[in-house]
Amino acid sequence: MPTAFPYHTPVDHTPRGRLSVVVSNEQPTDVLQTVSSETAQQILAALDDNPAPASDIAEAADTSVQNARYHLEHLCEADLVETVDTWYS
């Protein structure tokens, strides 16, 4: 039965291994600054091993989609998360 919403195919995603971060006095602390906010930590927890669209991440982190996208962009720049697929509605 046709619906008003586009069909989303399942995402085939193999999570990469856990990341350990070691920070010395000479290294920049970009990663630590990125994960210092509670929202960023909630987003990382929501993405634990399952990809999700920004709207689902925002709901899991109890924040707006715009705020979730802001944190996702910074998490991507810090190489802590990656885009696995793009869906348009």
N, C-alpha and C. Protein backbone atom coordinates (compact mmCIF):
# COMPACT_ATOMS: atom_id res chain seq x y z
N MET A 1 0.84 -1.17 0.00
CA MET A 1 0.00 0.00 0.00
C MET A 1 0.89 1.24 0.00
N PRO A 2 0.69 2.15 -0.92
CA PRO A 2 1.52 3.36 -0.97
C PRO A 2 1.26 4.24 0.25
N THR A 3 2.31 4.92 0.67
CA THR A 3 2.19 5.83 1.82
C THR A 3 2.64 7.22 1.41
N ALA A 4 2.36 8.18 2.27
CA ALA A 4 2.75 9.56 2.00
C ALA A 4 4.23 9.78 2.27
N PHE A 5 4.86 8.85 2.99
CA PHE A 5 6.26 9.01 3.34
C PHE A 5 7.14 8.14 2.45
N PRO A 6 8.34 8.61 2.12
CA PRO A 6 9.23 7.82 1.28
C PRO A 6 9.69 6.56 2.01
N TYR A 7 9.93 5.52 1.24
CA TYR A 7 10.42 4.26 1.80
C TYR A 7 11.91 4.38 2.05
N HIS A 8 12.33 3.98 3.23
CA HIS A 8 13.75 4.01 3.58
C HIS A 8 14.27 2.58 3.57
N THR A 9 15.24 2.34 2.72
CA THR A 9 15.85 1.02 2.69
C THR A 9 16.73 0.85 3.93
N PRO A 10 16.88 -0.37 4.42
CA PRO A 10 17.74 -0.59 5.58
C PRO A 10 19.19 -0.21 5.26
N VAL A 11 19.89 0.27 6.25
CA VAL A 11 21.29 0.65 6.09
C VAL A 11 22.16 -0.53 6.48
N ASP A 12 23.04 -0.93 5.57
CA ASP A 12 24.00 -1.99 5.87
C ASP A 12 25.24 -1.33 6.45
N HIS A 13 25.42 -1.47 7.75
CA HIS A 13 26.50 -0.76 8.43
C HIS A 13 27.23 -1.70 9.38
N THR A 14 28.53 -1.74 9.24
CA THR A 14 29.36 -2.49 10.17
C THR A 14 30.11 -1.48 11.03
N PRO A 15 29.79 -1.44 12.33
CA PRO A 15 30.45 -0.44 13.18
C PRO A 15 31.95 -0.69 13.27
N ARG A 16 32.71 0.39 13.31
CA ARG A 16 34.14 0.23 13.50
C ARG A 16 34.40 0.02 14.99
N GLY A 17 35.61 -0.38 15.32
CA GLY A 17 35.95 -0.67 16.71
C GLY A 17 35.86 0.56 17.59
N ARG A 18 35.87 0.32 18.87
CA ARG A 18 35.83 1.41 19.85
C ARG A 18 37.08 2.26 19.71
N LEU A 19 36.93 3.53 20.02
CA LEU A 19 38.03 4.49 19.91
C LEU A 19 38.52 4.85 21.30
N SER A 20 39.81 4.70 21.51
CA SER A 20 40.43 5.15 22.75
C SER A 20 41.18 6.43 22.45
N VAL A 21 41.00 7.43 23.28
CA VAL A 21 41.63 8.72 23.06
C VAL A 21 42.64 8.96 24.18
N VAL A 22 43.88 9.20 23.79
CA VAL A 22 44.92 9.54 24.75
C VAL A 22 45.34 10.97 24.44
N VAL A 23 45.27 11.83 25.44
CA VAL A 23 45.58 13.24 25.24
C VAL A 23 46.83 13.58 26.04
N SER A 24 47.84 14.09 25.34
CA SER A 24 49.05 14.54 26.02
C SER A 24 49.05 16.06 26.05
N ASN A 25 50.02 16.63 26.70
CA ASN A 25 50.10 18.09 26.80
C ASN A 25 50.32 18.74 25.44
N GLU A 26 50.90 18.02 24.49
CA GLU A 26 51.17 18.60 23.17
C GLU A 26 50.00 18.48 22.21
N GLN A 27 49.03 17.60 22.50
CA GLN A 27 47.93 17.37 21.58
C GLN A 27 46.80 18.35 21.80
N PRO A 28 46.14 18.76 20.72
CA PRO A 28 44.95 19.60 20.89
C PRO A 28 43.84 18.79 21.56
N THR A 29 42.95 19.48 22.21
CA THR A 29 41.88 18.80 22.94
C THR A 29 40.54 18.92 22.23
N ASP A 30 40.56 18.96 20.90
CA ASP A 30 39.32 19.09 20.12
C ASP A 30 38.32 17.98 20.45
N VAL A 31 38.81 16.76 20.57
CA VAL A 31 37.92 15.64 20.85
C VAL A 31 37.26 15.82 22.21
N LEU A 32 38.05 16.21 23.19
CA LEU A 32 37.49 16.41 24.53
C LEU A 32 36.49 17.54 24.56
N GLN A 33 36.77 18.61 23.83
CA GLN A 33 35.81 19.72 23.77
C GLN A 33 34.52 19.28 23.09
N THR A 34 34.64 18.44 22.07
CA THR A 34 33.47 17.97 21.34
C THR A 34 32.57 17.13 22.22
N VAL A 35 33.15 16.26 23.03
CA VAL A 35 32.33 15.36 23.85
C VAL A 35 32.07 15.90 25.25
N SER A 36 32.44 17.15 25.50
CA SER A 36 32.26 17.70 26.83
C SER A 36 30.80 18.05 27.14
N SER A 37 29.98 18.23 26.12
CA SER A 37 28.58 18.58 26.38
C SER A 37 27.75 17.31 26.63
N GLU A 38 26.76 17.46 27.47
CA GLU A 38 25.87 16.34 27.79
C GLU A 38 25.12 15.88 26.55
N THR A 39 24.74 16.82 25.68
CA THR A 39 24.01 16.46 24.46
C THR A 39 24.87 15.60 23.55
N ALA A 40 26.14 15.96 23.37
CA ALA A 40 27.03 15.15 22.54
C ALA A 40 27.18 13.75 23.11
N GLN A 41 27.27 13.65 24.42
CA GLN A 41 27.39 12.34 25.06
C GLN A 41 26.12 11.52 24.86
N GLN A 42 24.96 12.16 24.93
CA GLN A 42 23.70 11.46 24.70
C GLN A 42 23.59 10.99 23.25
N ILE A 43 24.09 11.80 22.33
CA ILE A 43 24.08 11.43 20.92
C ILE A 43 24.98 10.22 20.69
N LEU A 44 26.16 10.23 21.27
CA LEU A 44 27.06 9.08 21.13
C LEU A 44 26.42 7.82 21.71
N ALA A 45 25.74 7.95 22.83
CA ALA A 45 25.06 6.80 23.43
C ALA A 45 23.94 6.30 22.52
N ALA A 46 23.20 7.22 21.90
CA ALA A 46 22.11 6.84 21.00
C ALA A 46 22.62 6.13 19.76
N LEU A 47 23.83 6.46 19.34
CA LEU A 47 24.42 5.86 18.14
C LEU A 47 25.30 4.67 18.46
N ASP A 48 25.20 4.13 19.66
CA ASP A 48 26.12 3.11 20.17
C ASP A 48 26.57 2.10 19.12
N ASP A 49 25.74 1.49 18.39
CA ASP A 49 26.13 0.61 17.30
C ASP A 49 25.11 0.64 16.17
N ASN A 50 24.17 1.56 16.26
CA ASN A 50 23.08 1.60 15.30
C ASN A 50 22.98 2.97 14.65
N PRO A 51 23.13 3.05 13.33
CA PRO A 51 22.95 4.34 12.67
C PRO A 51 21.50 4.79 12.79
N ALA A 52 21.30 6.10 12.76
CA ALA A 52 19.95 6.66 12.87
C ALA A 52 19.93 8.03 12.21
N PRO A 53 18.76 8.44 11.70
CA PRO A 53 18.65 9.79 11.14
C PRO A 53 18.67 10.83 12.26
N ALA A 54 18.98 12.05 11.90
CA ALA A 54 19.11 13.14 12.88
C ALA A 54 17.83 13.31 13.70
N SER A 55 16.68 13.11 13.09
CA SER A 55 15.42 13.27 13.83
C SER A 55 15.29 12.24 14.95
N ASP A 56 15.69 11.00 14.69
CA ASP A 56 15.65 9.97 15.74
C ASP A 56 16.69 10.24 16.82
N ILE A 57 17.85 10.73 16.41
CA ILE A 57 18.90 11.07 17.37
C ILE A 57 18.44 12.21 18.26
N ALA A 58 17.81 13.21 17.66
CA ALA A 58 17.31 14.35 18.43
C ALA A 58 16.29 13.89 19.47
N GLU A 59 15.41 12.99 19.06
CA GLU A 59 14.40 12.49 20.00
C GLU A 59 15.06 11.71 21.14
N ALA A 60 16.05 10.87 20.82
CA ALA A 60 16.73 10.09 21.85
C ALA A 60 17.49 10.98 22.82
N ALA A 61 18.04 12.09 22.32
CA ALA A 61 18.81 13.01 23.16
C ALA A 61 17.94 14.10 23.77
N ASP A 62 16.65 14.07 23.48
CA ASP A 62 15.70 15.07 23.99
C ASP A 62 16.15 16.49 23.66
N THR A 63 16.41 16.70 22.36
CA THR A 63 16.84 18.02 21.88
C THR A 63 16.21 18.28 20.52
N SER A 64 16.42 19.46 19.98
CA SER A 64 15.88 19.79 18.66
C SER A 64 16.73 19.13 17.57
N VAL A 65 16.15 18.99 16.39
CA VAL A 65 16.89 18.43 15.26
C VAL A 65 18.06 19.34 14.91
N GLN A 66 17.86 20.66 14.98
CA GLN A 66 18.93 21.60 14.67
C GLN A 66 20.10 21.43 15.64
N ASN A 67 19.81 21.27 16.92
CA ASN A 67 20.86 21.09 17.91
C ASN A 67 21.57 19.74 17.72
N ALA A 68 20.81 18.71 17.40
CA ALA A 68 21.40 17.40 17.14
C ALA A 68 22.34 17.48 15.94
N ARG A 69 21.91 18.17 14.88
CA ARG A 69 22.76 18.30 13.69
C ARG A 69 24.04 19.08 14.01
N TYR A 70 23.93 20.12 14.83
CA TYR A 70 25.10 20.89 15.26
C TYR A 70 26.12 19.95 15.93
N HIS A 71 25.65 19.16 16.87
CA HIS A 71 26.56 18.25 17.58
C HIS A 71 27.07 17.14 16.66
N LEU A 72 26.22 16.65 15.77
CA LEU A 72 26.66 15.62 14.82
C LEU A 72 27.77 16.13 13.91
N GLU A 73 27.65 17.38 13.46
CA GLU A 73 28.69 17.96 12.61
C GLU A 73 30.02 18.02 13.36
N HIS A 74 29.98 18.42 14.63
CA HIS A 74 31.21 18.49 15.42
C HIS A 74 31.76 17.10 15.73
N LEU A 75 30.88 16.14 15.96
CA LEU A 75 31.33 14.77 16.19
C LEU A 75 31.96 14.19 14.92
N CYS A 76 31.42 14.55 13.76
CA CYS A 76 32.01 14.12 12.48
C CYS A 76 33.39 14.74 12.28
N GLU A 77 33.50 16.04 12.57
CA GLU A 77 34.78 16.73 12.42
C GLU A 77 35.85 16.13 13.34
N ALA A 78 35.44 15.65 14.51
CA ALA A 78 36.37 15.03 15.45
C ALA A 78 36.59 13.55 15.12
N ASP A 79 35.97 13.07 14.04
CA ASP A 79 36.08 11.69 13.58
C ASP A 79 35.56 10.69 14.62
N LEU A 80 34.52 11.07 15.34
CA LEU A 80 33.92 10.18 16.33
C LEU A 80 32.68 9.48 15.78
N VAL A 81 32.04 10.08 14.77
CA VAL A 81 30.93 9.45 14.07
C VAL A 81 31.12 9.69 12.58
N GLU A 82 30.40 8.93 11.77
CA GLU A 82 30.48 9.13 10.33
C GLU A 82 29.10 8.95 9.71
N THR A 83 28.87 9.60 8.59
CA THR A 83 27.63 9.46 7.84
C THR A 83 27.68 8.14 7.09
N VAL A 84 26.63 7.32 7.24
CA VAL A 84 26.61 6.04 6.53
C VAL A 84 25.61 6.04 5.39
N ASP A 85 24.66 6.98 5.40
CA ASP A 85 23.68 7.07 4.32
C ASP A 85 22.97 8.41 4.47
N THR A 86 22.37 8.88 3.39
CA THR A 86 21.61 10.13 3.43
C THR A 86 20.22 9.86 2.88
N TRP A 87 19.21 10.26 3.64
CA TRP A 87 17.82 10.12 3.22
C TRP A 87 17.21 11.49 3.09
N TYR A 88 16.47 11.69 2.03
CA TYR A 88 15.77 12.95 1.83
C TYR A 88 14.28 12.69 1.93
N SER A 89 13.57 13.63 2.52
CA SER A 89 12.11 13.46 2.61
C SER A 89 11.43 14.61 1.91
